[in-house]
Amino acid sequence: VKGTPGMKLYSAGDYETAVPLLLAEVEAGEVSARYPLGLAYRDGRLVERDPRKAEILFTGAAIGGDPRAVEAVRAMLREENRCPKDK
């Protein structure tokens, strides 16, 4: 997983600087930025909490090879209220 400037800032807890940068990195096609931006949407850090956006971002990061994102998707599937047929 390639470390982007936004990822480094997010990991350091500088969410105010990181989230706008992560948004720009993802829009520019930087797959590695999807995981931390997914965390921001999952946790509601400087963006409105949005589990759907988080799941989409985590899925893109997982497809890109980020093992943390794979686990994040698994956790969301276990924890989110799903249709009984989906279980």
N, C-alpha and C. Protein backbone atom coordinates (compact mmCIF):
# COMPACT_ATOMS: atom_id res chain seq x y z
N VAL A 1 0.85 -1.17 0.00
CA VAL A 1 0.00 0.00 0.00
C VAL A 1 0.89 1.23 0.00
N LYS A 2 0.68 2.08 -0.96
CA LYS A 2 1.46 3.31 -1.08
C LYS A 2 0.95 4.34 -0.10
N GLY A 3 1.84 4.94 0.66
CA GLY A 3 1.45 5.99 1.61
C GLY A 3 1.33 7.33 0.91
N THR A 4 0.16 7.92 0.97
CA THR A 4 -0.04 9.24 0.38
C THR A 4 0.10 10.31 1.46
N PRO A 5 0.30 11.56 1.08
CA PRO A 5 0.35 12.62 2.10
C PRO A 5 -0.91 12.66 2.96
N GLY A 6 -2.08 12.47 2.35
CA GLY A 6 -3.32 12.47 3.11
C GLY A 6 -3.38 11.33 4.11
N MET A 7 -2.90 10.16 3.71
CA MET A 7 -2.88 9.00 4.61
C MET A 7 -2.00 9.29 5.82
N LYS A 8 -0.83 9.88 5.57
CA LYS A 8 0.10 10.16 6.66
C LYS A 8 -0.49 11.16 7.66
N LEU A 9 -1.15 12.18 7.13
CA LEU A 9 -1.79 13.17 8.00
C LEU A 9 -2.93 12.54 8.80
N TYR A 10 -3.72 11.69 8.15
CA TYR A 10 -4.84 11.04 8.82
C TYR A 10 -4.32 10.13 9.93
N SER A 11 -3.27 9.38 9.64
CA SER A 11 -2.68 8.48 10.63
C SER A 11 -2.12 9.25 11.82
N ALA A 12 -1.66 10.49 11.57
CA ALA A 12 -1.12 11.32 12.64
C ALA A 12 -2.20 12.04 13.43
N GLY A 13 -3.46 11.88 13.00
CA GLY A 13 -4.57 12.50 13.72
C GLY A 13 -4.89 13.92 13.29
N ASP A 14 -4.28 14.39 12.21
CA ASP A 14 -4.54 15.73 11.69
C ASP A 14 -5.69 15.64 10.68
N TYR A 15 -6.88 15.39 11.19
CA TYR A 15 -8.04 15.16 10.32
C TYR A 15 -8.44 16.40 9.53
N GLU A 16 -8.29 17.57 10.11
CA GLU A 16 -8.68 18.81 9.42
C GLU A 16 -7.90 19.01 8.13
N THR A 17 -6.64 18.67 8.13
CA THR A 17 -5.81 18.79 6.94
C THR A 17 -5.96 17.57 6.05
N ALA A 18 -6.08 16.39 6.67
CA ALA A 18 -6.08 15.13 5.93
C ALA A 18 -7.32 14.92 5.09
N VAL A 19 -8.50 15.16 5.64
CA VAL A 19 -9.73 14.80 4.93
C VAL A 19 -9.87 15.54 3.60
N PRO A 20 -9.68 16.87 3.53
CA PRO A 20 -9.76 17.51 2.21
C PRO A 20 -8.71 16.98 1.23
N LEU A 21 -7.52 16.69 1.75
CA LEU A 21 -6.48 16.14 0.90
C LEU A 21 -6.84 14.74 0.41
N LEU A 22 -7.39 13.92 1.29
CA LEU A 22 -7.83 12.57 0.90
C LEU A 22 -8.92 12.64 -0.15
N LEU A 23 -9.86 13.56 0.00
CA LEU A 23 -10.92 13.72 -1.00
C LEU A 23 -10.31 14.03 -2.37
N ALA A 24 -9.32 14.91 -2.39
CA ALA A 24 -8.66 15.27 -3.65
C ALA A 24 -7.87 14.09 -4.20
N GLU A 25 -7.20 13.34 -3.33
CA GLU A 25 -6.41 12.19 -3.78
C GLU A 25 -7.31 11.11 -4.38
N VAL A 26 -8.43 10.85 -3.73
CA VAL A 26 -9.35 9.84 -4.26
C VAL A 26 -9.92 10.30 -5.60
N GLU A 27 -10.29 11.55 -5.68
CA GLU A 27 -10.83 12.07 -6.95
C GLU A 27 -9.79 11.99 -8.07
N ALA A 28 -8.52 12.11 -7.71
CA ALA A 28 -7.44 12.02 -8.69
C ALA A 28 -7.10 10.57 -9.04
N GLY A 29 -7.79 9.61 -8.41
CA GLY A 29 -7.59 8.20 -8.73
C GLY A 29 -6.61 7.47 -7.84
N GLU A 30 -6.24 8.05 -6.73
CA GLU A 30 -5.28 7.43 -5.82
C GLU A 30 -5.99 6.37 -4.96
N VAL A 31 -5.83 5.12 -5.34
CA VAL A 31 -6.53 4.02 -4.67
C VAL A 31 -6.14 3.92 -3.20
N SER A 32 -4.89 4.17 -2.88
CA SER A 32 -4.42 4.04 -1.50
C SER A 32 -5.11 5.00 -0.54
N ALA A 33 -5.62 6.11 -1.05
CA ALA A 33 -6.29 7.09 -0.19
C ALA A 33 -7.71 6.67 0.17
N ARG A 34 -8.22 5.64 -0.46
CA ARG A 34 -9.60 5.21 -0.22
C ARG A 34 -9.81 4.67 1.19
N TYR A 35 -8.86 3.94 1.71
CA TYR A 35 -9.04 3.35 3.04
C TYR A 35 -9.18 4.42 4.12
N PRO A 36 -8.24 5.37 4.25
CA PRO A 36 -8.42 6.37 5.31
C PRO A 36 -9.64 7.26 5.09
N LEU A 37 -9.98 7.54 3.83
CA LEU A 37 -11.19 8.33 3.60
C LEU A 37 -12.42 7.52 4.00
N GLY A 38 -12.38 6.21 3.77
CA GLY A 38 -13.46 5.33 4.24
C GLY A 38 -13.59 5.37 5.75
N LEU A 39 -12.45 5.43 6.45
CA LEU A 39 -12.49 5.55 7.91
C LEU A 39 -13.17 6.85 8.33
N ALA A 40 -12.85 7.93 7.61
CA ALA A 40 -13.46 9.23 7.93
C ALA A 40 -14.98 9.15 7.78
N TYR A 41 -15.46 8.54 6.69
CA TYR A 41 -16.91 8.42 6.48
C TYR A 41 -17.53 7.44 7.47
N ARG A 42 -16.83 6.39 7.79
CA ARG A 42 -17.36 5.42 8.77
C ARG A 42 -17.52 6.06 10.14
N ASP A 43 -16.53 6.87 10.53
CA ASP A 43 -16.50 7.44 11.87
C ASP A 43 -17.06 8.86 11.95
N GLY A 44 -17.36 9.48 10.81
CA GLY A 44 -17.89 10.84 10.80
C GLY A 44 -16.85 11.88 11.19
N ARG A 45 -15.63 11.72 10.74
CA ARG A 45 -14.57 12.69 11.04
C ARG A 45 -14.50 13.73 9.92
N LEU A 46 -14.99 14.93 10.21
CA LEU A 46 -14.99 16.07 9.29
C LEU A 46 -15.86 15.87 8.05
N VAL A 47 -16.55 14.78 7.98
CA VAL A 47 -17.56 14.53 6.95
C VAL A 47 -18.76 13.92 7.67
N GLU A 48 -19.91 14.03 7.06
CA GLU A 48 -21.08 13.42 7.67
C GLU A 48 -20.91 11.90 7.64
N ARG A 49 -21.20 11.25 8.75
CA ARG A 49 -21.08 9.80 8.82
C ARG A 49 -21.95 9.18 7.73
N ASP A 50 -21.34 8.29 6.93
CA ASP A 50 -22.05 7.69 5.81
C ASP A 50 -21.50 6.27 5.58
N PRO A 51 -22.14 5.27 6.20
CA PRO A 51 -21.66 3.90 6.06
C PRO A 51 -21.61 3.41 4.62
N ARG A 52 -22.53 3.87 3.78
CA ARG A 52 -22.52 3.43 2.37
C ARG A 52 -21.26 3.94 1.65
N LYS A 53 -20.94 5.21 1.84
CA LYS A 53 -19.73 5.75 1.22
C LYS A 53 -18.50 5.04 1.78
N ALA A 54 -18.51 4.79 3.08
CA ALA A 54 -17.38 4.10 3.70
C ALA A 54 -17.20 2.72 3.06
N GLU A 55 -18.29 2.00 2.90
CA GLU A 55 -18.21 0.65 2.33
C GLU A 55 -17.70 0.71 0.89
N ILE A 56 -18.16 1.67 0.12
CA ILE A 56 -17.70 1.80 -1.27
C ILE A 56 -16.20 2.11 -1.30
N LEU A 57 -15.76 3.02 -0.44
CA LEU A 57 -14.34 3.36 -0.40
C LEU A 57 -13.50 2.17 0.08
N PHE A 58 -13.96 1.48 1.11
CA PHE A 58 -13.23 0.30 1.60
C PHE A 58 -13.15 -0.78 0.51
N THR A 59 -14.25 -0.97 -0.21
CA THR A 59 -14.27 -1.99 -1.26
C THR A 59 -13.26 -1.66 -2.35
N GLY A 60 -13.22 -0.39 -2.75
CA GLY A 60 -12.24 0.03 -3.76
C GLY A 60 -10.81 -0.17 -3.28
N ALA A 61 -10.56 0.13 -2.01
CA ALA A 61 -9.22 -0.06 -1.44
C ALA A 61 -8.89 -1.56 -1.36
N ALA A 62 -9.88 -2.37 -1.01
CA ALA A 62 -9.66 -3.82 -0.92
C ALA A 62 -9.34 -4.40 -2.30
N ILE A 63 -10.06 -3.96 -3.31
CA ILE A 63 -9.78 -4.42 -4.68
C ILE A 63 -8.38 -3.99 -5.09
N GLY A 64 -7.96 -2.83 -4.59
CA GLY A 64 -6.62 -2.33 -4.88
C GLY A 64 -5.52 -3.02 -4.09
N GLY A 65 -5.88 -3.93 -3.18
CA GLY A 65 -4.89 -4.73 -2.47
C GLY A 65 -4.61 -4.32 -1.03
N ASP A 66 -5.44 -3.47 -0.45
CA ASP A 66 -5.21 -3.05 0.94
C ASP A 66 -5.87 -4.04 1.89
N PRO A 67 -5.08 -4.83 2.63
CA PRO A 67 -5.66 -5.84 3.51
C PRO A 67 -6.47 -5.24 4.66
N ARG A 68 -6.13 -4.01 5.09
CA ARG A 68 -6.90 -3.36 6.15
C ARG A 68 -8.32 -3.09 5.66
N ALA A 69 -8.44 -2.75 4.39
CA ALA A 69 -9.76 -2.48 3.83
C ALA A 69 -10.60 -3.74 3.74
N VAL A 70 -9.97 -4.86 3.44
CA VAL A 70 -10.69 -6.14 3.40
C VAL A 70 -11.30 -6.40 4.76
N GLU A 71 -10.52 -6.22 5.82
CA GLU A 71 -11.02 -6.45 7.17
C GLU A 71 -12.10 -5.44 7.54
N ALA A 72 -11.96 -4.20 7.08
CA ALA A 72 -12.98 -3.17 7.37
C ALA A 72 -14.31 -3.54 6.72
N VAL A 73 -14.27 -4.05 5.50
CA VAL A 73 -15.51 -4.48 4.83
C VAL A 73 -16.12 -5.65 5.58
N ARG A 74 -15.30 -6.60 5.97
CA ARG A 74 -15.80 -7.75 6.74
C ARG A 74 -16.47 -7.29 8.03
N ALA A 75 -15.83 -6.36 8.73
CA ALA A 75 -16.39 -5.86 9.99
C ALA A 75 -17.72 -5.16 9.75
N MET A 76 -17.80 -4.37 8.70
CA MET A 76 -19.06 -3.68 8.41
C MET A 76 -20.16 -4.68 8.08
N LEU A 77 -19.82 -5.71 7.34
CA LEU A 77 -20.83 -6.72 6.99
C LEU A 77 -21.32 -7.46 8.23
N ARG A 78 -20.45 -7.64 9.23
CA ARG A 78 -20.86 -8.29 10.46
C ARG A 78 -21.69 -7.37 11.34
N GLU A 79 -21.35 -6.07 11.34
CA GLU A 79 -21.94 -5.14 12.30
C GLU A 79 -23.16 -4.39 11.80
N GLU A 80 -23.23 -4.08 10.52
CA GLU A 80 -24.33 -3.28 10.00
C GLU A 80 -25.63 -4.09 10.01
N ASN A 81 -26.72 -3.38 10.20
CA ASN A 81 -28.03 -4.04 10.11
C ASN A 81 -28.32 -4.34 8.65
N ARG A 82 -28.41 -5.59 8.34
CA ARG A 82 -28.63 -6.03 6.97
C ARG A 82 -29.99 -6.71 6.88
N CYS A 83 -30.42 -6.85 5.67
CA CYS A 83 -31.64 -7.60 5.41
C CYS A 83 -31.41 -9.03 5.88
N PRO A 84 -32.40 -9.66 6.53
CA PRO A 84 -32.20 -11.04 7.02
C PRO A 84 -31.74 -12.01 5.92
N LYS A 85 -32.17 -11.78 4.69
CA LYS A 85 -31.74 -12.66 3.59
C LYS A 85 -30.26 -12.51 3.28
N ASP A 86 -29.68 -11.33 3.59
CA ASP A 86 -28.26 -11.11 3.32
C ASP A 86 -27.38 -11.88 4.28
N LYS A 87 -27.89 -12.19 5.45
CA LYS A 87 -27.07 -12.90 6.44
C LYS A 87 -26.81 -14.31 5.97
